[in-house]
């Protein structure tokens, strides 16, 4: 069938789709969410939507992805036919039936995901099948390789390329803002690509963006790394393992994360990492509740690294409270800069950063890695390197902590009794930070005066909430009326809380890449 082009002016974020009038859809014997091939000399497959209001008979509405790829213009004639049934759908059905998928089958699925040949329901079925039937290491290896092969890769000609990653779940983890300059200042190449917040108060890219642009092209990133040995860039602008970004959207909507391993490892393989340290936070409120769980995950990470020709080590870290004293993009960037400048003592942040950087040094053959990292921080080498990276990425290399804008509206939360901080609840901390406006409002967040183990007197400030909009503070007051962020009491207090009615249990779901 030949139809005329109607430009819809809709950008769907990479997925090709078209609109057909119901009469034309009936003529083609096609229903919504099925596929058509569209084009002139060059053709592509697109997902069908049906709307007699948006498109009149004889026309086909196209989104920006279809227009750009096929170079179509208004009122052009195009051929429209029913697309062949994707073989990848049969492979998805096989996984739903409990069958193990082979590399060619997984590659076909990933390719169809990237090319937009599978709709949201079909992708959700695949992700759900991996969650229910579980993903073994063979499938994780195949998925990692397939996700790399269907995207772009960095071309950095270095024998050793190092990287770090955290599986997430701990608020305020600004460690990367210290680790990258520490590692790069000692001559190691570390092209760090990071995510924006998905379920957290701030992703690494959100924090770094306070200091410098992070939406780099691959060419720009390679140029920065060549000059500085390191960078901190947003992975979403680089098209590295693009299938992962699509899978993550589906995982987030379903609150499941079966693709954790291939998601991490494909991105690291795409940047050319030869040596990788993965941080696995552990404990109350973290993804891994026990060191046993963390060790089992570490086992799989190391084995998958071996299969992908990467040396992978893991560090299991304390994850029962925020890292440092602040959460929120601007507050965290400010705190990281203060530590780099040796203006502020933040022992847990420094210890974690030096342990991770030290692990990188030691896995590449250096001794006393922790001390090497600590020296780079205390000597000012790391600060100088960070300012070099900031300048190369287009930021102000002379930026000072006081230059960073913080939300002007504040809410001070005081202790209702004297005692000791016995525990902190990461889920509620994240809920408060996001209610304050983070990560969209860069200046929103929380600064803690007290953390686990600290003594507090009745009336002392426990933490302060910062917001860019005053109305957000009322939402936080409402949250704190029903939930406790901290437990204050004596070391011998065994009671956490009483349950007198059937509770509504809110489970923590963390998905950060």
Protein backbone atom coordinates (compact mmCIF):
# COMPACT_ATOMS: atom_id res chain seq x y z
CA UNK A 1 0.00 0.00 0.00
CA UNK A 2 1.20 3.52 -0.78
CA UNK A 3 0.44 6.30 1.68
CA UNK A 4 1.37 9.96 1.99
CA UNK A 5 3.61 11.18 4.78
CA UNK A 6 2.31 13.35 7.62
CA UNK A 7 5.04 14.73 9.89
CA UNK A 8 3.85 14.46 13.50
CA UNK A 9 6.78 16.30 15.09
CA UNK A 10 6.93 13.76 17.93
CA UNK A 11 10.26 12.59 19.34
CA UNK A 12 9.83 9.21 21.06
CA UNK A 13 13.36 8.90 22.42
CA UNK A 14 14.71 6.49 19.80
CA UNK A 15 11.73 4.25 19.01
CA UNK A 16 10.32 4.38 15.46
CA UNK A 17 6.53 4.44 15.39
CA UNK A 18 3.81 5.45 12.95
CA UNK A 19 0.09 6.34 13.08
CA UNK A 20 -2.40 4.80 10.66
CA UNK A 21 -6.01 5.71 10.05
CA UNK A 22 -8.34 2.84 11.05
CA UNK A 23 -9.52 2.37 7.45
CA UNK A 24 -5.95 1.92 6.19
CA UNK A 25 -5.10 -0.36 9.13
CA UNK A 26 -8.10 -2.55 8.28
CA UNK A 27 -7.03 -2.62 4.62
CA UNK A 28 -3.58 -3.84 5.73
CA UNK A 29 -5.24 -6.23 8.20
CA UNK A 30 -3.11 -4.88 11.03
CA UNK A 31 -3.84 -3.92 14.65
CA UNK A 32 -2.23 -1.52 17.13
CA UNK A 33 1.25 -2.50 18.42
CA UNK A 34 1.95 -4.65 15.35
CA UNK A 35 4.66 -3.64 12.88
CA UNK A 36 4.92 -2.28 9.38
CA UNK A 37 7.83 -1.70 7.05
CA UNK A 38 7.87 1.82 5.69
CA UNK A 39 10.08 3.50 3.13
CA UNK A 40 11.00 4.21 -0.45
CA UNK A 41 14.38 2.78 -1.50
CA UNK A 42 15.50 2.51 2.12
CA UNK A 43 13.13 0.77 4.54
CA UNK A 44 12.69 0.44 8.26
CA UNK A 45 10.34 -1.30 10.69
CA UNK A 46 8.05 0.74 12.94
CA UNK A 47 5.44 0.03 15.63
CA UNK A 48 1.86 0.88 14.61
CA UNK A 49 -0.57 3.15 16.47
CA UNK A 50 -4.12 3.56 15.14
CA UNK A 51 -5.95 6.88 15.30
CA UNK A 52 -8.58 8.23 12.91
CA UNK A 53 -8.34 11.62 14.66
CA UNK A 54 -4.58 12.08 14.22
CA UNK A 55 -4.30 10.81 10.62
CA UNK A 56 -6.84 10.81 7.82
CA UNK A 57 -7.21 7.93 5.39
CA UNK A 58 -4.49 7.79 2.77
CA UNK A 59 -1.82 9.22 5.10
CA UNK A 60 0.70 7.76 7.54
CA UNK A 61 1.84 9.81 10.52
CA UNK A 62 5.52 9.41 11.32
CA UNK A 63 7.62 10.38 14.34
CA UNK A 64 10.97 12.16 14.23
CA UNK A 65 13.01 8.93 14.35
CA UNK A 66 11.34 7.65 11.15
CA UNK A 67 11.58 11.05 9.44
CA UNK A 68 15.30 11.46 10.15
CA UNK A 69 16.33 7.89 9.33
CA UNK A 70 14.43 7.77 6.01
CA UNK A 71 14.87 11.49 5.14
CA UNK A 72 11.14 11.86 4.55
CA UNK A 73 9.25 15.08 3.86
CA UNK A 74 5.62 16.13 4.11
CA UNK A 75 3.28 14.55 1.49
CA UNK A 76 5.95 12.19 0.12
CA UNK A 77 4.59 8.83 -1.04
CA UNK A 78 5.94 5.79 0.84
CA UNK A 79 5.34 2.05 0.61
CA UNK A 80 3.75 0.54 3.71
CA UNK A 81 3.55 -3.23 4.23
CA UNK A 82 3.01 -5.65 7.10
CA UNK A 83 6.43 -6.42 8.60
CA UNK A 84 7.64 -10.01 8.95
CA UNK A 85 7.10 -11.59 12.35
CA UNK A 86 10.29 -10.97 14.42
CA UNK A 87 12.12 -14.22 15.20
CA UNK A 88 13.11 -12.66 18.54
CA UNK A 89 9.51 -13.02 19.77
CA UNK A 90 9.79 -16.80 19.55
CA UNK A 91 13.01 -16.65 21.56
CA UNK A 92 11.25 -14.56 24.23
CA UNK A 93 8.47 -17.18 24.36
CA UNK A 94 11.12 -19.86 24.79
CA UNK A 95 12.54 -18.01 27.81
CA UNK A 96 9.05 -17.61 29.27
CA UNK A 97 8.73 -21.40 28.95
CA UNK A 98 11.91 -21.87 30.99
CA UNK A 99 14.34 -22.56 28.12
CA UNK A 100 17.95 -21.30 28.27
CA UNK A 101 18.74 -18.84 25.48
CA UNK A 102 21.80 -19.11 23.24
CA UNK A 103 24.04 -16.24 22.14
CA UNK A 104 22.54 -15.87 18.60
CA UNK A 105 19.02 -15.81 20.09
CA UNK A 106 19.93 -13.21 22.71
CA UNK A 107 21.71 -11.11 20.08
CA UNK A 108 18.57 -11.16 17.92
CA UNK A 109 16.44 -9.98 20.86
CA UNK A 110 18.87 -7.19 21.79
CA UNK A 111 19.16 -6.04 18.16
CA UNK A 112 15.36 -5.87 17.82
CA UNK A 113 15.14 -3.92 21.11
CA UNK A 114 17.68 -1.35 19.86
CA UNK A 115 16.11 -1.13 16.38
CA UNK A 116 12.65 -0.55 17.85
CA UNK A 117 11.20 -3.77 16.43
CA UNK A 118 9.77 -4.86 19.78
CA UNK A 119 7.03 -2.95 21.58
CA UNK A 120 6.92 -2.20 25.31
CA UNK A 121 4.82 -5.27 26.14
CA UNK A 122 7.24 -7.60 24.37
CA UNK A 123 10.27 -6.05 26.06
CA UNK A 124 8.48 -6.28 29.41
CA UNK A 125 7.78 -9.97 28.74
CA UNK A 126 11.49 -10.58 28.12
CA UNK A 127 12.60 -8.72 31.24
CA UNK A 128 9.94 -10.51 33.32
CA UNK A 129 11.06 -13.89 31.97
CA UNK A 130 14.63 -13.15 33.09
CA UNK A 131 13.30 -12.24 36.54
CA UNK A 132 11.13 -15.35 36.93
CA UNK A 133 13.33 -17.95 35.24
CA UNK A 134 16.55 -16.27 36.43
CA UNK A 135 19.52 -15.45 34.24
CA UNK A 136 22.54 -17.74 34.37
CA UNK A 137 26.13 -16.67 33.74
CA UNK A 138 26.11 -17.97 30.17
CA UNK A 139 23.10 -15.80 29.38
CA UNK A 140 24.59 -12.84 31.27
CA UNK A 141 27.75 -13.18 29.18
CA UNK A 142 25.75 -13.34 25.95
CA UNK A 143 23.63 -10.35 26.96
CA UNK A 144 26.72 -8.30 27.86
CA UNK A 145 28.39 -9.03 24.53
CA UNK A 146 25.20 -8.42 22.55
CA UNK A 147 24.58 -5.08 24.28
CA UNK A 148 28.13 -3.95 23.49
CA UNK A 149 27.97 -5.05 19.84
CA UNK A 150 24.71 -3.13 19.20
CA UNK A 151 26.11 0.20 20.43
CA UNK A 152 29.13 2.45 20.15
CA UNK A 153 32.45 1.82 21.89
CA UNK A 154 35.27 4.08 23.06
CA UNK A 155 38.55 3.90 21.15
CA UNK A 156 41.22 4.65 23.73
CA UNK A 157 44.61 3.21 22.86
CA UNK A 158 45.90 2.32 26.31
CA UNK A 159 47.12 -1.05 27.58
CA UNK A 160 45.42 -0.51 30.95
CA UNK A 161 42.05 1.24 31.26
CA UNK A 162 40.51 1.23 34.74
CA UNK A 163 36.97 1.85 35.91
CA UNK A 164 34.78 1.68 39.01
CA UNK A 165 31.11 1.08 39.58
CA UNK A 166 28.71 0.95 42.51
CA UNK A 167 25.60 -1.20 42.46
CA UNK A 168 23.90 1.71 44.28
CA UNK A 169 21.39 1.90 47.08
CA UNK A 170 23.21 4.27 49.45
CA UNK A 171 22.25 7.98 49.48
CA UNK A 172 24.98 10.58 49.10
CA UNK A 173 27.50 8.31 47.39
CA UNK A 174 29.65 11.02 45.83
CA UNK A 175 32.69 8.69 45.86
CA UNK A 176 33.25 8.90 42.09
CA UNK A 177 33.93 12.65 42.35
CA UNK A 178 36.98 11.73 44.44
CA UNK A 179 38.02 8.41 42.92
CA UNK A 180 38.30 9.64 39.32
CA UNK A 181 40.70 12.55 40.05
CA UNK A 182 42.69 10.45 42.57
CA UNK A 183 43.20 7.65 40.03
CA UNK A 184 43.81 9.96 37.06
CA UNK A 185 46.31 12.06 39.04
CA UNK A 186 48.57 9.00 39.32
CA UNK A 187 48.61 8.50 35.57
CA UNK A 188 45.88 5.88 35.19
CA UNK A 189 43.23 6.17 32.46
CA UNK A 190 39.68 6.16 33.84
CA UNK A 191 36.91 7.12 31.35
CA UNK A 192 34.03 7.23 33.85
CA UNK A 193 30.56 7.17 32.36
CA UNK A 194 27.76 7.56 34.88
CA UNK A 195 24.00 7.61 35.17
CA UNK A 196 21.50 10.21 36.23
CA UNK A 197 19.21 9.45 39.16
CA UNK A 198 16.55 6.84 38.51
CA UNK A 199 15.30 6.02 42.01
CA UNK A 200 17.91 7.98 44.02
CA UNK A 201 18.30 11.60 45.12
CA UNK A 202 21.25 12.13 42.78
CA UNK A 203 23.14 10.09 40.22
CA UNK A 204 26.84 10.67 39.65
CA UNK A 205 26.07 12.56 36.42
CA UNK A 206 23.68 14.86 38.36
CA UNK A 207 26.39 15.62 40.95
CA UNK A 208 29.12 16.17 38.36
CA UNK A 209 26.86 18.43 36.28
CA UNK A 210 26.92 20.98 39.09
CA UNK A 211 30.65 21.39 38.39
CA UNK A 212 30.84 20.90 34.60
CA UNK A 213 28.95 19.80 31.47
CA UNK A 214 28.49 16.02 31.35
CA UNK A 215 26.57 15.59 28.07
CA UNK A 216 29.65 14.77 26.04
CA UNK A 217 29.90 13.22 22.59
CA UNK A 218 32.18 10.23 22.17
CA UNK A 219 34.70 12.42 20.30
CA UNK A 220 34.68 15.01 23.10
CA UNK A 221 35.00 12.33 25.78
CA UNK A 222 37.98 10.72 24.02
CA UNK A 223 39.60 14.16 23.73
CA UNK A 224 39.11 14.88 27.45
CA UNK A 225 40.48 11.47 28.46
CA UNK A 226 43.49 11.86 26.17
CA UNK A 227 44.33 15.18 27.84
CA UNK A 228 43.39 14.45 31.48
CA UNK A 229 43.49 10.63 31.81
CA UNK A 230 39.94 10.78 33.13
CA UNK A 231 36.45 12.21 32.76
CA UNK A 232 33.00 12.05 34.38
CA UNK A 233 30.35 11.94 31.65
CA UNK A 234 26.68 11.05 31.36
CA UNK A 235 26.45 7.65 29.70
CA UNK A 236 23.05 8.42 28.16
CA UNK A 237 24.56 10.84 25.64
CA UNK A 238 27.14 8.35 24.34
CA UNK A 239 25.02 5.46 22.96
CA UNK A 240 27.16 2.88 24.77
CA UNK A 241 25.19 -0.38 25.11
CA UNK A 242 21.92 1.44 24.22
CA UNK A 243 19.77 -1.65 24.85
CA UNK A 244 20.60 -1.32 28.54
CA UNK A 245 18.93 2.09 28.76
CA UNK A 246 15.75 0.59 27.27
CA UNK A 247 15.84 -2.41 29.60
CA UNK A 248 16.36 -0.15 32.63
CA UNK A 249 13.15 1.80 31.81
CA UNK A 250 11.21 -1.46 31.83
CA UNK A 251 12.91 -2.75 34.99
CA UNK A 252 12.08 0.52 36.76
CA UNK A 253 8.39 0.35 35.86
CA UNK A 254 8.18 -3.27 37.04
CA UNK A 255 10.38 -2.77 40.16
CA UNK A 256 12.63 -5.70 39.21
CA UNK A 257 16.32 -5.77 38.27
CA UNK A 258 17.26 -9.09 36.60
CA UNK A 259 19.74 -7.41 34.24
CA UNK A 260 22.02 -5.99 36.95
CA UNK A 261 25.11 -7.99 35.92
CA UNK A 262 25.01 -7.55 32.11
CA UNK A 263 23.95 -3.92 32.58
CA UNK A 264 27.08 -3.12 34.60
CA UNK A 265 29.51 -5.22 32.60
CA UNK A 266 28.33 -4.20 29.12
CA UNK A 267 28.85 -0.51 29.90
CA UNK A 268 32.33 -1.20 31.27
CA UNK A 269 33.26 -3.35 28.27
CA UNK A 270 32.00 -0.61 25.94
CA UNK A 271 34.44 1.92 27.41
CA UNK A 272 37.27 -0.58 27.00
CA UNK A 273 37.92 -1.23 30.69
CA UNK A 274 40.60 -3.80 31.39
CA UNK A 275 40.45 -3.48 35.20
CA UNK A 276 37.23 -2.87 37.14
CA UNK A 277 36.43 -2.39 40.83
CA UNK A 278 32.78 -2.83 41.79
CA UNK A 279 31.51 -1.36 45.07
CA UNK A 280 28.83 -3.50 46.74
CA UNK A 281 27.21 -1.59 49.64
CA UNK A 282 25.82 -3.96 52.25
CA UNK A 283 23.46 -3.79 55.23
CA UNK A 284 20.14 -2.32 56.37
CA UNK A 285 18.60 -0.27 53.55
CA UNK A 286 21.14 -1.37 50.92
CA UNK A 287 20.53 -3.73 47.97
CA UNK A 288 22.60 -6.47 49.59
CA UNK A 289 21.38 -7.06 53.16
CA UNK A 290 24.16 -9.40 54.27
CA UNK A 291 27.84 -9.92 53.48
CA UNK A 292 26.91 -13.42 52.30
CA UNK A 293 24.63 -11.97 49.61
CA UNK A 294 27.34 -9.48 48.67
CA UNK A 295 29.96 -12.22 48.36
CA UNK A 296 27.71 -14.27 46.05
CA UNK A 297 27.19 -11.25 43.79
CA UNK A 298 30.94 -10.56 43.83
CA UNK A 299 31.58 -14.14 42.71
CA UNK A 300 29.39 -13.66 39.63
CA UNK A 301 30.88 -10.23 38.83
CA UNK A 302 34.43 -11.59 38.93
CA UNK A 303 33.53 -14.62 36.78
CA UNK A 304 31.64 -12.50 34.24
CA UNK A 305 34.62 -10.14 34.12
CA UNK A 306 36.90 -13.09 33.31
CA UNK A 307 34.59 -14.14 30.47
CA UNK A 308 34.66 -10.61 29.05
CA UNK A 309 38.47 -10.33 29.37
CA UNK A 310 38.25 -7.86 32.26
CA UNK A 311 40.00 -8.11 35.62
CA UNK A 312 37.20 -7.47 38.11
CA UNK A 313 37.55 -7.03 41.87
CA UNK A 314 34.82 -6.15 44.37
CA UNK A 315 34.80 -4.16 47.59
CA UNK A 316 31.97 -4.77 50.07
CA UNK A 317 31.24 -1.50 51.88
CA UNK A 318 29.05 -0.33 54.76
CA UNK A 319 25.69 0.74 53.35
CA UNK A 320 23.46 1.48 56.33
CA UNK A 321 23.65 5.28 56.20
CA UNK A 322 24.45 8.09 53.71
CA UNK A 323 28.04 8.54 52.55
CA UNK A 324 29.32 11.84 53.89
CA UNK A 325 27.01 14.42 55.43
CA UNK A 326 24.93 15.53 52.44
CA UNK A 327 22.54 14.27 49.79
CA UNK A 328 21.33 16.14 46.72
CA UNK A 329 23.27 17.16 43.54
CA UNK A 330 24.61 20.59 44.58
CA UNK A 331 25.14 19.71 48.25
CA UNK A 332 27.09 16.58 47.30
CA UNK A 333 29.19 18.37 44.67
CA UNK A 334 29.97 21.06 47.25
CA UNK A 335 31.00 18.49 49.86
CA UNK A 336 33.19 16.58 47.38
CA UNK A 337 34.92 19.81 46.33
CA UNK A 338 35.53 20.74 49.99
CA UNK A 339 37.15 17.34 50.59
CA UNK A 340 39.30 17.63 47.45
CA UNK A 341 40.45 21.06 48.67
CA UNK A 342 41.16 19.64 52.18
CA UNK A 343 38.78 22.20 53.61
CA UNK A 344 36.51 19.70 55.32
CA UNK A 345 36.94 16.43 57.16
CA UNK A 346 34.45 13.77 56.02
CA UNK A 347 36.05 10.54 57.31
CA UNK A 348 33.63 7.95 55.85
CA UNK A 349 33.68 9.55 52.37
CA UNK A 350 37.48 9.75 52.35
CA UNK A 351 37.84 6.19 53.64
CA UNK A 352 35.51 4.76 51.02
CA UNK A 353 37.09 6.71 48.15
CA UNK A 354 40.62 5.72 49.19
CA UNK A 355 39.64 2.07 49.57
CA UNK A 356 38.14 1.98 46.08
CA UNK A 357 40.99 3.92 44.45
CA UNK A 358 43.47 1.82 46.45
CA UNK A 359 41.86 -1.39 45.15
CA UNK A 360 42.31 -0.09 41.59
CA UNK A 361 46.00 0.64 42.23
CA UNK A 362 46.64 -2.75 43.82
CA UNK A 363 44.88 -4.78 41.12
CA UNK A 364 47.17 -3.14 38.56
CA UNK A 365 50.30 -4.09 40.51
CA UNK A 366 50.91 -1.20 42.93
CA UNK A 367 51.43 -1.73 46.67
CA UNK A 368 49.88 0.20 49.57
CA UNK A 369 47.01 1.38 47.39
CA UNK A 370 45.07 3.04 50.21
CA UNK A 371 48.09 5.16 51.21
CA UNK A 372 48.75 6.13 47.58
CA UNK A 373 45.15 7.32 47.26
CA UNK A 374 45.25 9.18 50.58
CA UNK A 375 48.47 10.95 49.55
CA UNK A 376 46.96 12.03 46.20
CA UNK A 377 44.06 13.56 48.13
CA UNK A 378 46.05 15.25 50.90
CA UNK A 379 48.82 16.55 48.62
CA UNK A 380 46.38 18.41 46.34
CA UNK A 381 47.13 16.24 43.28
CA UNK A 382 43.53 15.03 43.12
CA UNK A 383 42.14 18.59 43.36
CA UNK A 384 44.45 19.78 40.57
CA UNK A 385 43.39 16.86 38.38
CA UNK A 386 39.70 17.46 39.08
CA UNK A 387 40.05 21.11 38.06
CA UNK A 388 41.82 20.01 34.87
CA UNK A 389 38.91 17.66 34.08
CA UNK A 390 36.35 20.39 34.88
CA UNK A 391 38.07 22.80 32.49
CA UNK A 392 38.42 20.21 29.71
CA UNK A 393 34.71 19.34 29.94
CA UNK A 394 33.77 23.02 29.66
CA UNK A 395 33.30 24.00 33.31
CA UNK A 396 34.82 26.70 35.50
CA UNK A 397 38.11 25.27 36.79
CA UNK A 398 38.30 27.98 39.49
CA UNK A 399 34.96 27.06 41.06
CA UNK A 400 34.82 27.28 44.85
CA UNK A 401 32.38 25.53 47.22
CA UNK A 402 30.71 28.85 48.05
CA UNK A 403 29.97 29.41 44.33
CA UNK A 404 27.60 26.42 44.31
CA UNK A 405 23.97 27.47 44.74
CA UNK A 406 21.97 25.68 47.42
CA UNK A 407 18.20 25.86 47.98
CA UNK A 408 17.31 28.93 50.05
CA UNK A 409 14.37 27.39 51.92
CA UNK A 410 15.29 25.24 54.92
CA UNK A 411 13.66 22.95 57.46
CA UNK A 412 15.60 22.05 60.62
CA UNK A 413 14.65 18.74 62.22
CA UNK A 414 15.54 18.50 65.92
CA UNK A 415 15.82 15.51 68.22
CA UNK A 416 12.88 14.86 70.49
CA UNK A 417 15.04 13.11 73.08
CA UNK A 418 18.58 12.63 74.34
CA UNK A 419 20.42 9.51 73.28
CA UNK A 420 22.48 7.98 70.49
CA UNK A 421 21.72 7.54 66.78
CA UNK A 422 21.10 3.78 66.58
CA UNK A 423 20.02 3.50 62.94
CA UNK A 424 19.14 5.48 59.80
CA UNK A 425 16.59 4.46 57.17
CA UNK A 426 17.95 4.92 53.63
CA UNK A 427 14.53 4.57 51.97
CA UNK A 428 13.03 7.46 53.92
CA UNK A 429 16.17 9.56 53.41
CA UNK A 430 15.76 9.13 49.66
CA UNK A 431 12.03 9.88 49.89
CA UNK A 432 12.74 13.14 51.72
CA UNK A 433 15.48 14.18 49.30
CA UNK A 434 13.25 13.62 46.30
CA UNK A 435 10.30 15.35 48.00
CA UNK A 436 12.58 18.36 48.49
CA UNK A 437 12.94 18.50 44.70
CA UNK A 438 16.14 16.59 43.96
CA UNK A 439 17.50 15.64 41.49
CA UNK A 440 15.61 18.04 39.20
CA UNK A 441 16.18 20.93 41.59
CA UNK A 442 19.96 20.77 41.89
CA UNK A 443 20.02 22.84 45.11
CA UNK A 444 17.58 20.57 46.96
CA UNK A 445 18.69 17.94 49.45
CA UNK A 446 19.58 17.15 53.05
CA UNK A 447 22.59 17.89 55.28
CA UNK A 448 23.07 15.64 58.32
CA UNK A 449 24.45 16.91 61.63
CA UNK A 450 24.21 13.47 63.24
CA UNK A 451 24.75 9.94 61.92
CA UNK A 452 24.98 6.39 63.28
CA UNK A 453 26.73 6.24 66.65
CA UNK A 454 26.64 10.00 67.32
CA UNK A 455 25.34 11.27 70.66
CA UNK A 456 22.57 13.83 70.58
CA UNK A 457 20.79 16.00 73.12
CA UNK A 458 17.10 16.79 73.08
CA UNK A 459 16.53 19.86 70.87
CA UNK A 460 19.76 19.44 68.84
CA UNK A 461 19.49 19.60 65.06
CA UNK A 462 19.62 16.13 63.50
CA UNK A 463 19.48 17.27 59.89
CA UNK A 464 18.47 20.19 57.68
CA UNK A 465 16.39 19.94 54.51
CA UNK A 466 17.11 22.40 51.67
CA UNK A 467 14.60 23.22 48.93
CA UNK A 468 14.40 25.67 46.03
CA UNK A 469 10.61 25.95 46.43
CA UNK A 470 9.04 26.61 49.81
CA UNK A 471 5.89 24.49 49.27
CA UNK A 472 8.03 21.33 49.14
CA UNK A 473 8.87 21.65 52.85
CA UNK A 474 5.25 20.95 53.87
CA UNK A 475 5.40 17.64 51.99
CA UNK A 476 8.48 16.71 54.03
CA UNK A 477 6.72 17.59 57.31
CA UNK A 478 3.90 15.25 56.29
CA UNK A 479 6.35 12.40 55.56
CA UNK A 480 8.08 12.83 58.93
CA UNK A 481 4.75 12.80 60.81
CA UNK A 482 4.28 9.15 59.83
CA UNK A 483 7.81 7.81 59.39
CA UNK A 484 11.10 7.94 61.28
CA UNK A 485 14.32 8.64 59.45
CA UNK A 486 16.52 7.99 62.51
CA UNK A 487 16.31 5.91 65.63
CA UNK A 488 17.44 7.76 68.77
CA UNK A 489 17.90 5.91 72.03
CA UNK A 490 20.22 3.98 74.30
CA UNK A 491 22.62 1.26 73.14
CA UNK A 492 20.62 -1.21 75.18
CA UNK A 493 17.26 -0.28 73.59
CA UNK A 494 16.08 -3.37 71.71
CA UNK A 495 12.67 -2.13 70.53
CA UNK A 496 12.59 -0.53 67.08
CA UNK A 497 8.80 -0.04 66.84
CA UNK A 498 5.48 -1.71 67.66
CA UNK A 499 3.01 -3.01 65.09
CA UNK A 500 -0.59 -2.92 66.30
CA UNK A 501 -2.41 -3.05 62.95
CA UNK A 502 -1.74 -4.83 59.66
CA UNK A 503 1.08 -2.69 58.23
CA UNK A 504 1.46 -1.35 54.71
CA UNK A 505 5.02 -2.42 53.92
CA UNK A 506 6.95 -0.22 51.51
CA UNK A 507 9.83 -2.20 50.06
CA UNK A 508 12.97 -0.45 48.94
CA UNK A 509 13.62 -0.68 45.20
CA UNK A 510 16.89 0.71 43.94
CA UNK A 511 17.93 0.79 40.31
CA UNK A 512 20.88 3.03 39.59
CA UNK A 513 23.45 2.53 36.92
